[in-house]
Every structure is written in structure tokens, then in C-alpha cells.
Amino acid sequence: MQVTALNRHPLKAHGRETVERVTLRAGQSMPYDRLWAVAHDASKAAPGDWARCLNFTRGASSPQLQAITAKLDETTEILTLRHPMRGEITFYPDREQAAFLDWVRPLVAEGRAAPVDILRLDGRGYTDSAEPTLSLNSLTSHRAVEELAAAPLQTARWRGNIWFDGAAPWAEFDWLGRDLKIGEARLHVSKRITRCLATTVNTDTGARDVDTLAALDQLGHRDFGVTLTVTKGGEIAVGDELELI
């Protein structure tokens, strides 16, 4: 089994980027993944504290957000976002919120809470789980969903951190409670990930086009991928072997 891609989402639900390697730290999420999140006008999130995803603007309720791509300069923390209808914006998330909010508002679905601020959470990020996690997704399981849906699907729909190939479809569900070795790091497989409407959106266009949830329903669940916690830090890279230990 081999790692095929590494992805991070610097601004939660607002863009994704691929990287070749990252250095993980024990007890933390992927560096710069969900470091920032966009609070809306009904949010109860407090700066510096983790909060549930319902407190933030999301692709599940505003599908056009799924078509954003991102590029983060780690040295300066300048973030560049691109969208097929909105073009490109480059800004500092910590101090140039107004420019970003003007850029993103047209992408928020009508009737949804308006974005009002960008919050930052160092170390663990605004992952969907209360604990700092990464997500692990299987390409063979992805292909199985494509067969069930009778349609090609972008892997970006699943917003995963680590992608791998070489296992049987859905084998990762049997790994709950097990440990993995990837590169220099060790990770614990903690739970299955239940999916939402964001996965029904075409990440090239921002339009809902394939009912991925109905496809998963054929299996009796709506789960895709598993969460990981980092137990030993170290560098991981595309091409690394993924080994159960």
C-alpha cells in the first residue's frame, strides 16, 4: 500500500491544495490544515477554541465553496484562493478579512448565514472532530463509489488529507483501533467518517451533480474514509509505504 496524495485545506471549506510532503506532530492535525475557518453571523465559536462545523460557512450548505482551490505560502502565511466564477484573491487571513469576505459572499448560498470573520486555531485546526485528526481515504474505495454512482467523481469531493492505493475496497474500515506506519510517523486509526451533502458537489464547477450519499446508502451506511490521530511525529511524503503495525 502506498500514499498517492497529500492534501490540506488551510481555510476550512474554502479551498484545497496538494503538497508532496509534510512533517506531522504527535497530537496535532496536519500542519496548516483547517488552520483558519470562516465564522458566520449565527456562529457561537469563540476565538482560540475548537467549535463544531455548524459554526462556520461550509460546502454542505453553500456548494459553490467546493470549487475553490488554495495555495498557501507557509513563510508569509499569505493565502491565494481561486474560483471559476470569482477569479483569484491573495490575502493575509489574520488581518485582511474584509477583502476576503467581499470576495466570498457571492459564493454563499441564498438564505444561508453570512460570513463575518476568520478565526484561527493553531496546532490542531478546526477539524470536524473534537480531537485533532487527519483523514485517510482509499482510492479503491473511491472507485467503488464511482461504480455505485455510475459516474466519475473527483477525489477532492471527500476533502481528505492522505490518499492511498493498494488495499481492497473498504479495507480501511477493518483497521479501527489499529496503528499505521507512514514514513517517519505513526498514526492510530480512530473512527469511520460519516459524509454530508458537500460530497455531492462537483469540485470543478461548484454544482451538485452526483448523489454520493445515495450511492453509499446502497452499502447500508454513509461512511467514507477514516480518521487518524498522530501518535509519533515525523515526515510523510507521497510515495511512502503505508504499513499496518
C-alpha atoms as a PDB file:
ATOM      1  CA  MET A   1       0.000   0.000   0.000  1.00  0.00           C
ATOM      2  CA  GLN A   2       1.339   3.406  -0.973  1.00  0.00           C
ATOM      3  CA  VAL A   3       0.492   7.060  -0.327  1.00  0.00           C
ATOM      4  CA  THR A   4      -0.713   8.633  -3.590  1.00  0.00           C
ATOM      5  CA  ALA A   5      -1.592  12.187  -2.498  1.00  0.00           C
ATOM      6  CA  LEU A   6      -1.414  14.587   0.444  1.00  0.00           C
ATOM      7  CA  ASN A   7      -3.958  17.411   0.701  1.00  0.00           C
ATOM      8  CA  ARG A   8      -4.582  20.237   3.105  1.00  0.00           C
ATOM      9  CA  HIS A   9      -7.311  22.851   3.428  1.00  0.00           C
ATOM     10  CA  PRO A  10      -5.793  25.984   5.037  1.00  0.00           C
ATOM     11  CA  LEU A  11      -9.130  27.820   5.293  1.00  0.00           C
ATOM     12  CA  LYS A  12     -11.762  25.269   6.301  1.00  0.00           C
ATOM     13  CA  ALA A  13     -14.266  24.603   3.469  1.00  0.00           C
ATOM     14  CA  HIS A  14     -12.656  27.307   1.311  1.00  0.00           C
ATOM     15  CA  GLY A  15     -10.138  25.654  -0.957  1.00  0.00           C
ATOM     16  CA  ARG A  16      -7.747  22.736  -1.084  1.00  0.00           C
ATOM     17  CA  GLU A  17      -4.151  22.257  -2.143  1.00  0.00           C
ATOM     18  CA  THR A  18      -1.833  19.318  -2.696  1.00  0.00           C
ATOM     19  CA  VAL A  19       1.612  19.007  -1.128  1.00  0.00           C
ATOM     20  CA  GLU A  20       4.395  16.492  -1.676  1.00  0.00           C
ATOM     21  CA  ARG A  21       5.447  16.058   1.953  1.00  0.00           C
ATOM     22  CA  VAL A  22       4.547  17.249   5.450  1.00  0.00           C
ATOM     23  CA  THR A  23       6.030  16.866   8.923  1.00  0.00           C
ATOM     24  CA  LEU A  24       3.424  15.611  11.380  1.00  0.00           C
ATOM     25  CA  ARG A  25       3.489  16.278  15.117  1.00  0.00           C
ATOM     26  CA  ALA A  26       2.084  13.992  17.784  1.00  0.00           C
ATOM     27  CA  GLY A  27      -1.360  15.049  18.972  1.00  0.00           C
ATOM     28  CA  GLN A  28      -1.871  17.571  16.162  1.00  0.00           C
ATOM     29  CA  SER A  29      -3.659  17.657  12.827  1.00  0.00           C
ATOM     30  CA  MET A  30      -1.847  18.082   9.504  1.00  0.00           C
ATOM     31  CA  PRO A  31       0.144  21.337   9.572  1.00  0.00           C
ATOM     32  CA  TYR A  32      -1.911  24.230   8.163  1.00  0.00           C
ATOM     33  CA  ASP A  33      -4.963  22.025   7.623  1.00  0.00           C
ATOM     34  CA  ARG A  34      -8.109  23.902   8.725  1.00  0.00           C
ATOM     35  CA  LEU A  35      -5.839  26.409  10.480  1.00  0.00           C
ATOM     36  CA  TRP A  36      -8.488  29.040   9.761  1.00  0.00           C
ATOM     37  CA  ALA A  37     -12.278  28.852   9.495  1.00  0.00           C
ATOM     38  CA  VAL A  38     -14.942  31.334   8.381  1.00  0.00           C
ATOM     39  CA  ALA A  39     -17.413  32.184  11.151  1.00  0.00           C
ATOM     40  CA  HIS A  40     -20.905  33.253  10.076  1.00  0.00           C
ATOM     41  CA  ASP A  41     -23.324  35.683  11.690  1.00  0.00           C
ATOM     42  CA  ALA A  42     -25.038  32.919  13.710  1.00  0.00           C
ATOM     43  CA  SER A  43     -21.771  31.395  14.966  1.00  0.00           C
ATOM     44  CA  LYS A  44     -21.122  30.775  18.645  1.00  0.00           C
ATOM     45  CA  ALA A  45     -17.439  29.930  18.114  1.00  0.00           C
ATOM     46  CA  ALA A  46     -15.001  31.672  20.449  1.00  0.00           C
ATOM     47  CA  PRO A  47     -11.554  32.709  19.162  1.00  0.00           C
ATOM     48  CA  GLY A  48      -8.901  30.186  20.190  1.00  0.00           C
ATOM     49  CA  ASP A  49     -11.371  27.378  20.983  1.00  0.00           C
ATOM     50  CA  TRP A  50     -12.428  24.457  18.825  1.00  0.00           C
ATOM     51  CA  ALA A  51     -16.051  24.579  17.681  1.00  0.00           C
ATOM     52  CA  ARG A  52     -18.347  22.321  15.665  1.00  0.00           C
ATOM     53  CA  CYS A  53     -18.569  22.783  11.912  1.00  0.00           C
ATOM     54  CA  LEU A  54     -22.105  24.224  12.195  1.00  0.00           C
ATOM     55  CA  ASN A  55     -20.493  27.444  13.434  1.00  0.00           C
ATOM     56  CA  PHE A  56     -18.723  28.003  10.129  1.00  0.00           C
ATOM     57  CA  THR A  57     -19.560  28.547   6.480  1.00  0.00           C
ATOM     58  CA  ARG A  58     -19.499  25.103   4.795  1.00  0.00           C
ATOM     59  CA  GLY A  59     -19.630  23.457   1.413  1.00  0.00           C
ATOM     60  CA  ALA A  60     -22.544  21.291   2.528  1.00  0.00           C
ATOM     61  CA  SER A  61     -24.826  24.333   2.612  1.00  0.00           C
ATOM     62  CA  SER A  62     -23.048  26.549   0.059  1.00  0.00           C
ATOM     63  CA  PRO A  63     -21.914  24.202  -2.721  1.00  0.00           C
ATOM     64  CA  GLN A  64     -20.021  26.830  -4.732  1.00  0.00           C
ATOM     65  CA  LEU A  65     -17.377  26.830  -1.989  1.00  0.00           C
ATOM     66  CA  GLN A  66     -16.395  23.328  -3.110  1.00  0.00           C
ATOM     67  CA  ALA A  67     -14.938  24.746  -6.350  1.00  0.00           C
ATOM     68  CA  ILE A  68     -12.322  26.859  -4.554  1.00  0.00           C
ATOM     69  CA  THR A  69      -8.663  25.876  -4.771  1.00  0.00           C
ATOM     70  CA  ALA A  70      -5.946  27.223  -2.494  1.00  0.00           C
ATOM     71  CA  LYS A  71      -2.231  27.951  -2.313  1.00  0.00           C
ATOM     72  CA  LEU A  72      -0.582  28.867   0.987  1.00  0.00           C
ATOM     73  CA  ASP A  73       2.845  30.431   1.363  1.00  0.00           C
ATOM     74  CA  GLU A  74       3.965  28.947   4.677  1.00  0.00           C
ATOM     75  CA  THR A  75       6.724  31.540   5.174  1.00  0.00           C
ATOM     76  CA  THR A  76       4.452  34.580   4.942  1.00  0.00           C
ATOM     77  CA  GLU A  77       1.079  32.897   5.594  1.00  0.00           C
ATOM     78  CA  ILE A  78      -0.283  34.628   2.516  1.00  0.00           C
ATOM     79  CA  LEU A  79      -3.196  32.630   1.133  1.00  0.00           C
ATOM     80  CA  THR A  80      -4.314  32.629  -2.509  1.00  0.00           C
ATOM     81  CA  LEU A  81      -7.785  31.319  -3.378  1.00  0.00           C
ATOM     82  CA  ARG A  82      -9.197  30.707  -6.848  1.00  0.00           C
ATOM     83  CA  HIS A  83     -12.750  30.087  -8.030  1.00  0.00           C
ATOM     84  CA  PRO A  84     -14.043  29.667 -11.615  1.00  0.00           C
ATOM     85  CA  MET A  85     -16.597  32.474 -11.180  1.00  0.00           C
ATOM     86  CA  ARG A  86     -14.782  34.761  -8.723  1.00  0.00           C
ATOM     87  CA  GLY A  87     -11.247  34.647 -10.052  1.00  0.00           C
ATOM     88  CA  GLU A  88      -8.334  34.931  -7.648  1.00  0.00           C
ATOM     89  CA  ILE A  89      -7.726  36.676  -4.328  1.00  0.00           C
ATOM     90  CA  THR A  90      -4.480  36.843  -2.325  1.00  0.00           C
ATOM     91  CA  PHE A  91      -4.645  37.979   1.304  1.00  0.00           C
ATOM     92  CA  TYR A  92      -3.467  37.528   4.889  1.00  0.00           C
ATOM     93  CA  PRO A  93      -6.234  35.588   6.681  1.00  0.00           C
ATOM     94  CA  ASP A  94      -5.310  37.040  10.069  1.00  0.00           C
ATOM     95  CA  ARG A  95      -5.641  40.692   9.111  1.00  0.00           C
ATOM     96  CA  GLU A  96      -7.276  41.126   5.717  1.00  0.00           C
ATOM     97  CA  GLN A  97     -10.660  39.597   6.413  1.00  0.00           C
ATOM     98  CA  ALA A  98     -12.693  42.390   4.791  1.00  0.00           C
ATOM     99  CA  ALA A  99     -11.272  41.816   1.311  1.00  0.00           C
ATOM    100  CA  PHE A 100     -11.863  38.082   1.595  1.00  0.00           C
ATOM    101  CA  LEU A 101     -15.432  38.494   2.864  1.00  0.00           C
ATOM    102  CA  ASP A 102     -16.282  40.738  -0.097  1.00  0.00           C
ATOM    103  CA  TRP A 103     -14.816  38.130  -2.451  1.00  0.00           C
ATOM    104  CA  VAL A 104     -16.585  35.109  -0.932  1.00  0.00           C
ATOM    105  CA  ARG A 105     -20.080  36.478  -0.214  1.00  0.00           C
ATOM    106  CA  PRO A 106     -21.404  35.817  -3.753  1.00  0.00           C
ATOM    107  CA  LEU A 107     -20.446  32.142  -3.301  1.00  0.00           C
ATOM    108  CA  VAL A 108     -22.581  31.699  -0.180  1.00  0.00           C
ATOM    109  CA  ALA A 109     -25.987  30.213  -0.972  1.00  0.00           C
ATOM    110  CA  GLU A 110     -29.022  32.468  -0.695  1.00  0.00           C
ATOM    111  CA  GLY A 111     -30.686  32.247   2.693  1.00  0.00           C
ATOM    112  CA  ARG A 112     -27.593  30.946   4.460  1.00  0.00           C
ATOM    113  CA  ALA A 113     -25.879  32.739   7.344  1.00  0.00           C
ATOM    114  CA  ALA A 114     -23.486  35.393   6.065  1.00  0.00           C
ATOM    115  CA  PRO A 115     -19.719  35.061   6.630  1.00  0.00           C
ATOM    116  CA  VAL A 116     -18.449  37.687   9.067  1.00  0.00           C
ATOM    117  CA  ASP A 117     -14.977  36.740  10.344  1.00  0.00           C
ATOM    118  CA  ILE A 118     -11.981  34.428  10.029  1.00  0.00           C
ATOM    119  CA  LEU A 119     -10.920  32.556  13.169  1.00  0.00           C
ATOM    120  CA  ARG A 120      -7.566  30.833  13.720  1.00  0.00           C
ATOM    121  CA  LEU A 121      -6.773  27.732  15.772  1.00  0.00           C
ATOM    122  CA  ASP A 122      -3.088  26.828  15.936  1.00  0.00           C
ATOM    123  CA  GLY A 123      -1.804  23.293  16.461  1.00  0.00           C
ATOM    124  CA  ARG A 124      -4.977  21.316  15.963  1.00  0.00           C
ATOM    125  CA  GLY A 125      -7.030  23.284  13.456  1.00  0.00           C
ATOM    126  CA  TYR A 126     -10.810  23.293  13.004  1.00  0.00           C
ATOM    127  CA  THR A 127     -11.164  19.606  12.157  1.00  0.00           C
ATOM    128  CA  ASP A 128     -14.701  18.225  12.214  1.00  0.00           C
ATOM    129  CA  SER A 129     -13.855  16.018  15.206  1.00  0.00           C
ATOM    130  CA  ALA A 130     -13.337  17.367  18.720  1.00  0.00           C
ATOM    131  CA  GLU A 131      -9.857  15.838  18.771  1.00  0.00           C
ATOM    132  CA  PRO A 132      -7.073  16.823  16.336  1.00  0.00           C
ATOM    133  CA  THR A 133      -7.246  14.367  13.442  1.00  0.00           C
ATOM    134  CA  LEU A 134      -6.258  13.691   9.863  1.00  0.00           C
ATOM    135  CA  SER A 135      -8.345  11.766   7.368  1.00  0.00           C
ATOM    136  CA  LEU A 136      -7.253   8.711   5.398  1.00  0.00           C
ATOM    137  CA  ASN A 137      -9.027   7.841   2.145  1.00  0.00           C
ATOM    138  CA  SER A 138      -8.648   4.837  -0.147  1.00  0.00           C
ATOM    139  CA  LEU A 139      -8.560   5.126  -3.920  1.00  0.00           C
ATOM    140  CA  THR A 140     -10.055   1.654  -4.302  1.00  0.00           C
ATOM    141  CA  SER A 141     -12.975   2.630  -2.073  1.00  0.00           C
ATOM    142  CA  HIS A 142     -13.367   5.795  -4.160  1.00  0.00           C
ATOM    143  CA  ARG A 143     -13.554   3.688  -7.316  1.00  0.00           C
ATOM    144  CA  ALA A 144     -16.176   1.511  -5.630  1.00  0.00           C
ATOM    145  CA  VAL A 145     -18.342   4.605  -5.020  1.00  0.00           C
ATOM    146  CA  GLU A 146     -17.901   5.619  -8.657  1.00  0.00           C
ATOM    147  CA  GLU A 147     -19.261   2.204  -9.673  1.00  0.00           C
ATOM    148  CA  LEU A 148     -22.205   2.530  -7.305  1.00  0.00           C
ATOM    149  CA  ALA A 149     -22.965   6.046  -8.563  1.00  0.00           C
ATOM    150  CA  ALA A 150     -22.340   5.076 -12.209  1.00  0.00           C
ATOM    151  CA  ALA A 151     -20.395   8.321 -12.610  1.00  0.00           C
ATOM    152  CA  PRO A 152     -16.820   9.600 -12.400  1.00  0.00           C
ATOM    153  CA  LEU A 153     -16.062  11.515  -9.196  1.00  0.00           C
ATOM    154  CA  GLN A 154     -13.283  13.909  -8.234  1.00  0.00           C
ATOM    155  CA  THR A 155     -11.379  12.719  -5.172  1.00  0.00           C
ATOM    156  CA  ALA A 156     -11.477  16.335  -3.915  1.00  0.00           C
ATOM    157  CA  ARG A 157     -15.156  15.851  -3.021  1.00  0.00           C
ATOM    158  CA  TRP A 158     -14.086  13.915   0.085  1.00  0.00           C
ATOM    159  CA  ARG A 159     -11.732  16.679   1.368  1.00  0.00           C
ATOM    160  CA  GLY A 160      -9.221  14.052   2.534  1.00  0.00           C
ATOM    161  CA  ASN A 161      -5.701  14.572   3.871  1.00  0.00           C
ATOM    162  CA  ILE A 162      -3.967  11.295   2.992  1.00  0.00           C
ATOM    163  CA  TRP A 163      -4.881   9.198  -0.048  1.00  0.00           C
ATOM    164  CA  PHE A 164      -3.504   5.718  -0.591  1.00  0.00           C
ATOM    165  CA  ASP A 165      -3.846   2.817  -3.011  1.00  0.00           C
ATOM    166  CA  GLY A 166      -3.199  -0.904  -2.872  1.00  0.00           C
ATOM    167  CA  ALA A 167      -5.833  -2.226  -0.434  1.00  0.00           C
ATOM    168  CA  ALA A 168      -9.161  -3.916  -1.078  1.00  0.00           C
ATOM    169  CA  PRO A 169     -12.201  -1.601  -1.185  1.00  0.00           C
ATOM    170  CA  TRP A 170     -13.341  -0.638   2.306  1.00  0.00           C
ATOM    171  CA  ALA A 171     -10.422  -2.482   3.984  1.00  0.00           C
ATOM    172  CA  GLU A 172      -9.726   0.685   5.980  1.00  0.00           C
ATOM    173  CA  PHE A 173     -12.929   0.138   7.968  1.00  0.00           C
ATOM    174  CA  ASP A 174     -11.362  -3.023   9.387  1.00  0.00           C
ATOM    175  CA  TRP A 175      -8.422  -1.061  10.734  1.00  0.00           C
ATOM    176  CA  LEU A 176     -10.263   0.748  13.542  1.00  0.00           C
ATOM    177  CA  GLY A 177      -8.125   0.542  16.674  1.00  0.00           C
ATOM    178  CA  ARG A 178      -5.021  -0.383  14.662  1.00  0.00           C
ATOM    179  CA  ASP A 179      -1.832   1.622  14.139  1.00  0.00           C
ATOM    180  CA  LEU A 180      -0.207   2.631  10.859  1.00  0.00           C
ATOM    181  CA  LYS A 181       3.341   3.481   9.865  1.00  0.00           C
ATOM    182  CA  ILE A 182       3.807   6.072   7.118  1.00  0.00           C
ATOM    183  CA  GLY A 183       7.302   7.432   6.569  1.00  0.00           C
ATOM    184  CA  GLU A 184       8.671   8.509   9.940  1.00  0.00           C
ATOM    185  CA  ALA A 185       5.229   8.872  11.528  1.00  0.00           C
ATOM    186  CA  ARG A 186       2.928   6.544  13.446  1.00  0.00           C
ATOM    187  CA  LEU A 187      -0.829   7.038  13.373  1.00  0.00           C
ATOM    188  CA  HIS A 188      -3.806   5.454  15.126  1.00  0.00           C
ATOM    189  CA  VAL A 189      -6.989   4.668  13.193  1.00  0.00           C
ATOM    190  CA  SER A 190      -9.822   6.001  15.323  1.00  0.00           C
ATOM    191  CA  LYS A 191     -13.203   6.022  13.534  1.00  0.00           C
ATOM    192  CA  ARG A 192     -15.130   5.999  10.268  1.00  0.00           C
ATOM    193  CA  ILE A 193     -16.138   9.315   8.689  1.00  0.00           C
ATOM    194  CA  THR A 194     -19.834   9.890   8.023  1.00  0.00           C
ATOM    195  CA  ARG A 195     -20.319  12.046   4.945  1.00  0.00           C
ATOM    196  CA  CYS A 196     -22.554  15.029   4.155  1.00  0.00           C
ATOM    197  CA  LEU A 197     -24.020  16.859   1.148  1.00  0.00           C
ATOM    198  CA  ALA A 198     -20.678  18.504   0.338  1.00  0.00           C
ATOM    199  CA  THR A 199     -19.624  15.281  -1.385  1.00  0.00           C
ATOM    200  CA  THR A 200     -22.479  15.593  -3.911  1.00  0.00           C
ATOM    201  CA  VAL A 201     -20.831  18.703  -5.404  1.00  0.00           C
ATOM    202  CA  ASN A 202     -18.642  18.784  -8.498  1.00  0.00           C
ATOM    203  CA  THR A 203     -15.413  20.391  -7.298  1.00  0.00           C
ATOM    204  CA  ASP A 204     -14.666  21.830 -10.749  1.00  0.00           C
ATOM    205  CA  THR A 205     -17.973  23.702 -11.102  1.00  0.00           C
ATOM    206  CA  GLY A 206     -19.469  24.016  -7.617  1.00  0.00           C
ATOM    207  CA  ALA A 207     -22.751  22.434  -8.805  1.00  0.00           C
ATOM    208  CA  ARG A 208     -24.430  19.412  -7.225  1.00  0.00           C
ATOM    209  CA  ASP A 209     -24.309  16.655  -9.815  1.00  0.00           C
ATOM    210  CA  VAL A 210     -23.919  13.156  -8.299  1.00  0.00           C
ATOM    211  CA  ASP A 211     -25.801  11.803  -5.283  1.00  0.00           C
ATOM    212  CA  THR A 212     -22.857  10.235  -3.495  1.00  0.00           C
ATOM    213  CA  LEU A 213     -24.942   9.731  -0.363  1.00  0.00           C
ATOM    214  CA  ALA A 214     -27.474   7.621  -2.248  1.00  0.00           C
ATOM    215  CA  ALA A 215     -24.584   5.611  -3.670  1.00  0.00           C
ATOM    216  CA  LEU A 216     -23.265   4.945  -0.169  1.00  0.00           C
ATOM    217  CA  ASP A 217     -26.780   4.121   1.035  1.00  0.00           C
ATOM    218  CA  GLN A 218     -26.582   1.039  -1.173  1.00  0.00           C
ATOM    219  CA  LEU A 219     -23.967  -0.246   1.267  1.00  0.00           C
ATOM    220  CA  GLY A 220     -26.131   0.495   4.299  1.00  0.00           C
ATOM    221  CA  HIS A 221     -24.094   3.474   5.525  1.00  0.00           C
ATOM    222  CA  ARG A 222     -22.857   6.938   4.523  1.00  0.00           C
ATOM    223  CA  ASP A 223     -19.242   6.484   5.580  1.00  0.00           C
ATOM    224  CA  PHE A 224     -16.133   7.126   3.539  1.00  0.00           C
ATOM    225  CA  GLY A 225     -12.593   7.215   4.920  1.00  0.00           C
ATOM    226  CA  VAL A 226     -11.303   7.024   8.482  1.00  0.00           C
ATOM    227  CA  THR A 227      -9.826   9.492  10.938  1.00  0.00           C
ATOM    228  CA  LEU A 228      -6.268   9.227  12.229  1.00  0.00           C
ATOM    229  CA  THR A 229      -4.529  10.598  15.301  1.00  0.00           C
ATOM    230  CA  VAL A 230      -0.761  11.130  15.225  1.00  0.00           C
ATOM    231  CA  THR A 231       0.974   9.139  17.955  1.00  0.00           C
ATOM    232  CA  LYS A 232       4.555   9.709  16.744  1.00  0.00           C
ATOM    233  CA  GLY A 233       5.533  12.670  14.629  1.00  0.00           C
ATOM    234  CA  GLY A 234       7.740  12.679  11.567  1.00  0.00           C
ATOM    235  CA  GLU A 235       7.826  13.398   7.863  1.00  0.00           C
ATOM    236  CA  ILE A 236       5.485  11.650   5.440  1.00  0.00           C
ATOM    237  CA  ALA A 237       5.561  12.022   1.666  1.00  0.00           C
ATOM    238  CA  VAL A 238       3.787  10.980  -1.498  1.00  0.00           C
ATOM    239  CA  GLY A 239       5.123   7.581  -2.471  1.00  0.00           C
ATOM    240  CA  ASP A 240       5.672   6.406   1.106  1.00  0.00           C
ATOM    241  CA  GLU A 241       4.587   2.897   2.011  1.00  0.00           C
ATOM    242  CA  LEU A 242       1.576   2.605   4.284  1.00  0.00           C
ATOM    243  CA  GLU A 243       2.027  -0.303   6.687  1.00  0.00           C
ATOM    244  CA  LEU A 244      -0.247  -1.759   9.381  1.00  0.00           C
ATOM    245  CA  ILE A 245       1.668  -2.362  12.640  1.00  0.00           C
END
